[in-house]
């Protein structure tokens, strides 16, 4: 199997369950392939970071990083939602501009998926 390179774009908070299920299914189905799986959160999808009720979702995300997924968070969106960069877990990467990151990954050959 070829290398799997994909970026999931999550811009709405209510899409996280679907996105995480997609990523988990992909990583399990392609466990014998090399994969580069990114999830980019921007717009309203960053709001989960300042909600204490989302600990289970954060743990699920953390578990996916152990399977190789990388979580990216848009700095502009954090600022727009009044979320400090200090509130972002250390296993997530803050990117300056989410849409530019999407463009960059697609130019590198990443498939684009928007759940």
C-alpha atoms as a PDB file:
ATOM      1  CA  UNK A   1       0.000   0.000   0.000  1.00  0.00           C
ATOM      2  CA  UNK A   2       1.195   3.533  -0.691  1.00  0.00           C
ATOM      3  CA  UNK A   3       1.883   6.122   1.958  1.00  0.00           C
ATOM      4  CA  UNK A   4      -1.338   7.639   3.247  1.00  0.00           C
ATOM      5  CA  UNK A   5      -1.152  11.429   3.526  1.00  0.00           C
ATOM      6  CA  UNK A   6      -4.353  13.131   4.591  1.00  0.00           C
ATOM      7  CA  UNK A   7      -5.514  16.249   6.375  1.00  0.00           C
ATOM      8  CA  UNK A   8      -8.918  16.314   8.024  1.00  0.00           C
ATOM      9  CA  UNK A   9     -10.359  19.820   8.283  1.00  0.00           C
ATOM     10  CA  UNK A  10     -12.645  20.357  11.276  1.00  0.00           C
ATOM     11  CA  UNK A  11     -14.229  23.808  11.447  1.00  0.00           C
ATOM     12  CA  UNK A  12     -17.420  23.026  13.387  1.00  0.00           C
ATOM     13  CA  UNK A  13     -17.347  21.714  16.958  1.00  0.00           C
ATOM     14  CA  UNK A  14     -20.201  19.290  16.290  1.00  0.00           C
ATOM     15  CA  UNK A  15     -18.096  17.515  13.627  1.00  0.00           C
ATOM     16  CA  UNK A  16     -15.457  16.258  16.064  1.00  0.00           C
ATOM     17  CA  UNK A  17     -17.118  12.886  16.781  1.00  0.00           C
ATOM     18  CA  UNK A  18     -17.324  12.072  13.061  1.00  0.00           C
ATOM     19  CA  UNK A  19     -13.795  13.296  12.365  1.00  0.00           C
ATOM     20  CA  UNK A  20     -12.308  11.299  15.236  1.00  0.00           C
ATOM     21  CA  UNK A  21     -14.192   8.162  14.185  1.00  0.00           C
ATOM     22  CA  UNK A  22     -12.957   8.631  10.594  1.00  0.00           C
ATOM     23  CA  UNK A  23      -9.362   8.972  11.755  1.00  0.00           C
ATOM     24  CA  UNK A  24      -9.571   6.021  14.125  1.00  0.00           C
ATOM     25  CA  UNK A  25     -11.069   3.810  11.408  1.00  0.00           C
ATOM     26  CA  UNK A  26      -8.437   4.940   8.902  1.00  0.00           C
ATOM     27  CA  UNK A  27      -5.526   4.319  11.253  1.00  0.00           C
ATOM     28  CA  UNK A  28      -6.797   0.851  12.141  1.00  0.00           C
ATOM     29  CA  UNK A  29      -7.574  -0.099   8.526  1.00  0.00           C
ATOM     30  CA  UNK A  30      -4.187   1.100   7.323  1.00  0.00           C
ATOM     31  CA  UNK A  31      -2.150  -0.086  10.298  1.00  0.00           C
ATOM     32  CA  UNK A  32       0.317  -1.853   8.029  1.00  0.00           C
ATOM     33  CA  UNK A  33       0.837   1.200   5.806  1.00  0.00           C
ATOM     34  CA  UNK A  34       2.902   4.285   6.386  1.00  0.00           C
ATOM     35  CA  UNK A  35       0.602   7.183   7.220  1.00  0.00           C
ATOM     36  CA  UNK A  36       0.794  10.902   7.778  1.00  0.00           C
ATOM     37  CA  UNK A  37      -2.583  11.860   9.251  1.00  0.00           C
ATOM     38  CA  UNK A  38      -3.257  15.440  10.332  1.00  0.00           C
ATOM     39  CA  UNK A  39      -6.382  17.030  11.804  1.00  0.00           C
ATOM     40  CA  UNK A  40      -6.653  20.799  11.548  1.00  0.00           C
ATOM     41  CA  UNK A  41      -9.055  22.658  13.835  1.00  0.00           C
ATOM     42  CA  UNK A  42     -10.106  26.185  12.997  1.00  0.00           C
ATOM     43  CA  UNK A  43     -13.148  28.413  13.344  1.00  0.00           C
ATOM     44  CA  UNK A  44     -15.714  27.063  15.840  1.00  0.00           C
ATOM     45  CA  UNK A  45     -13.961  23.702  16.164  1.00  0.00           C
ATOM     46  CA  UNK A  46     -11.425  25.212  18.587  1.00  0.00           C
ATOM     47  CA  UNK A  47     -14.140  25.987  21.160  1.00  0.00           C
ATOM     48  CA  UNK A  48     -13.825  22.520  22.709  1.00  0.00           C
ATOM     49  CA  UNK A  49     -10.519  23.596  24.260  1.00  0.00           C
ATOM     50  CA  UNK A  50     -12.145  25.821  26.870  1.00  0.00           C
ATOM     51  CA  UNK A  51     -14.967  23.475  27.829  1.00  0.00           C
ATOM     52  CA  UNK A  52     -14.327  21.263  30.853  1.00  0.00           C
ATOM     53  CA  UNK A  53     -16.990  18.832  29.615  1.00  0.00           C
ATOM     54  CA  UNK A  54     -14.758  17.757  26.737  1.00  0.00           C
ATOM     55  CA  UNK A  55     -12.196  15.774  28.733  1.00  0.00           C
ATOM     56  CA  UNK A  56     -13.360  12.485  27.196  1.00  0.00           C
ATOM     57  CA  UNK A  57     -12.980  13.931  23.687  1.00  0.00           C
ATOM     58  CA  UNK A  58      -9.519  15.281  24.515  1.00  0.00           C
ATOM     59  CA  UNK A  59      -8.475  11.857  25.800  1.00  0.00           C
ATOM     60  CA  UNK A  60      -9.733  10.256  22.596  1.00  0.00           C
ATOM     61  CA  UNK A  61      -7.666  12.763  20.615  1.00  0.00           C
ATOM     62  CA  UNK A  62      -4.623  12.049  22.747  1.00  0.00           C
ATOM     63  CA  UNK A  63      -5.074   8.325  22.119  1.00  0.00           C
ATOM     64  CA  UNK A  64      -5.112   8.972  18.369  1.00  0.00           C
ATOM     65  CA  UNK A  65      -1.770  10.790  18.625  1.00  0.00           C
ATOM     66  CA  UNK A  66      -0.337   7.559  20.016  1.00  0.00           C
ATOM     67  CA  UNK A  67      -1.484   5.882  16.788  1.00  0.00           C
ATOM     68  CA  UNK A  68       0.282   8.579  14.752  1.00  0.00           C
ATOM     69  CA  UNK A  69      -2.325  11.312  14.213  1.00  0.00           C
ATOM     70  CA  UNK A  70      -1.201  14.936  14.492  1.00  0.00           C
ATOM     71  CA  UNK A  71      -3.538  17.668  15.729  1.00  0.00           C
ATOM     72  CA  UNK A  72      -3.092  21.215  14.445  1.00  0.00           C
ATOM     73  CA  UNK A  73      -4.910  24.247  15.866  1.00  0.00           C
ATOM     74  CA  UNK A  74      -5.266  27.639  14.166  1.00  0.00           C
ATOM     75  CA  UNK A  75      -3.842  30.519  16.234  1.00  0.00           C
ATOM     76  CA  UNK A  76      -6.217  33.002  14.589  1.00  0.00           C
ATOM     77  CA  UNK A  77      -9.210  30.910  15.620  1.00  0.00           C
ATOM     78  CA  UNK A  78      -7.919  30.586  19.178  1.00  0.00           C
ATOM     79  CA  UNK A  79      -7.614  34.362  19.374  1.00  0.00           C
ATOM     80  CA  UNK A  80     -11.070  34.842  17.879  1.00  0.00           C
ATOM     81  CA  UNK A  81     -12.600  32.570  20.519  1.00  0.00           C
ATOM     82  CA  UNK A  82     -10.671  34.119  23.398  1.00  0.00           C
ATOM     83  CA  UNK A  83      -8.666  30.961  24.054  1.00  0.00           C
ATOM     84  CA  UNK A  84      -5.107  31.355  25.280  1.00  0.00           C
ATOM     85  CA  UNK A  85      -2.434  29.332  23.517  1.00  0.00           C
ATOM     86  CA  UNK A  86      -1.485  28.112  27.003  1.00  0.00           C
ATOM     87  CA  UNK A  87      -4.807  26.210  27.083  1.00  0.00           C
ATOM     88  CA  UNK A  88      -3.801  24.079  24.095  1.00  0.00           C
ATOM     89  CA  UNK A  89      -2.481  20.650  25.142  1.00  0.00           C
ATOM     90  CA  UNK A  90       1.245  20.187  24.526  1.00  0.00           C
ATOM     91  CA  UNK A  91       0.598  17.340  22.077  1.00  0.00           C
ATOM     92  CA  UNK A  92      -1.242  19.707  19.707  1.00  0.00           C
ATOM     93  CA  UNK A  93       0.604  22.011  17.322  1.00  0.00           C
ATOM     94  CA  UNK A  94      -0.493  25.626  16.962  1.00  0.00           C
ATOM     95  CA  UNK A  95      -0.259  26.903  13.398  1.00  0.00           C
ATOM     96  CA  UNK A  96      -0.410  30.642  12.638  1.00  0.00           C
ATOM     97  CA  UNK A  97      -3.104  30.497   9.924  1.00  0.00           C
ATOM     98  CA  UNK A  98      -5.180  27.353   9.486  1.00  0.00           C
ATOM     99  CA  UNK A  99      -6.217  27.958   5.892  1.00  0.00           C
ATOM    100  CA  UNK A 100      -2.606  28.463   4.836  1.00  0.00           C
ATOM    101  CA  UNK A 101      -1.737  25.172   6.517  1.00  0.00           C
ATOM    102  CA  UNK A 102      -4.491  23.477   4.505  1.00  0.00           C
ATOM    103  CA  UNK A 103      -3.096  24.942   1.300  1.00  0.00           C
ATOM    104  CA  UNK A 104       0.430  23.901   2.245  1.00  0.00           C
ATOM    105  CA  UNK A 105      -0.530  20.297   3.071  1.00  0.00           C
ATOM    106  CA  UNK A 106      -2.538  19.931  -0.138  1.00  0.00           C
ATOM    107  CA  UNK A 107       0.410  21.233  -2.166  1.00  0.00           C
ATOM    108  CA  UNK A 108       2.485  18.497  -0.476  1.00  0.00           C
ATOM    109  CA  UNK A 109       0.078  15.862  -1.786  1.00  0.00           C
ATOM    110  CA  UNK A 110      -2.139  15.425   1.262  1.00  0.00           C
ATOM    111  CA  UNK A 111      -5.713  14.351   0.531  1.00  0.00           C
ATOM    112  CA  UNK A 112      -8.291  16.775   1.971  1.00  0.00           C
ATOM    113  CA  UNK A 113     -11.243  15.464   3.972  1.00  0.00           C
ATOM    114  CA  UNK A 114     -13.901  17.624   5.600  1.00  0.00           C
ATOM    115  CA  UNK A 115     -16.245  15.563   7.784  1.00  0.00           C
END
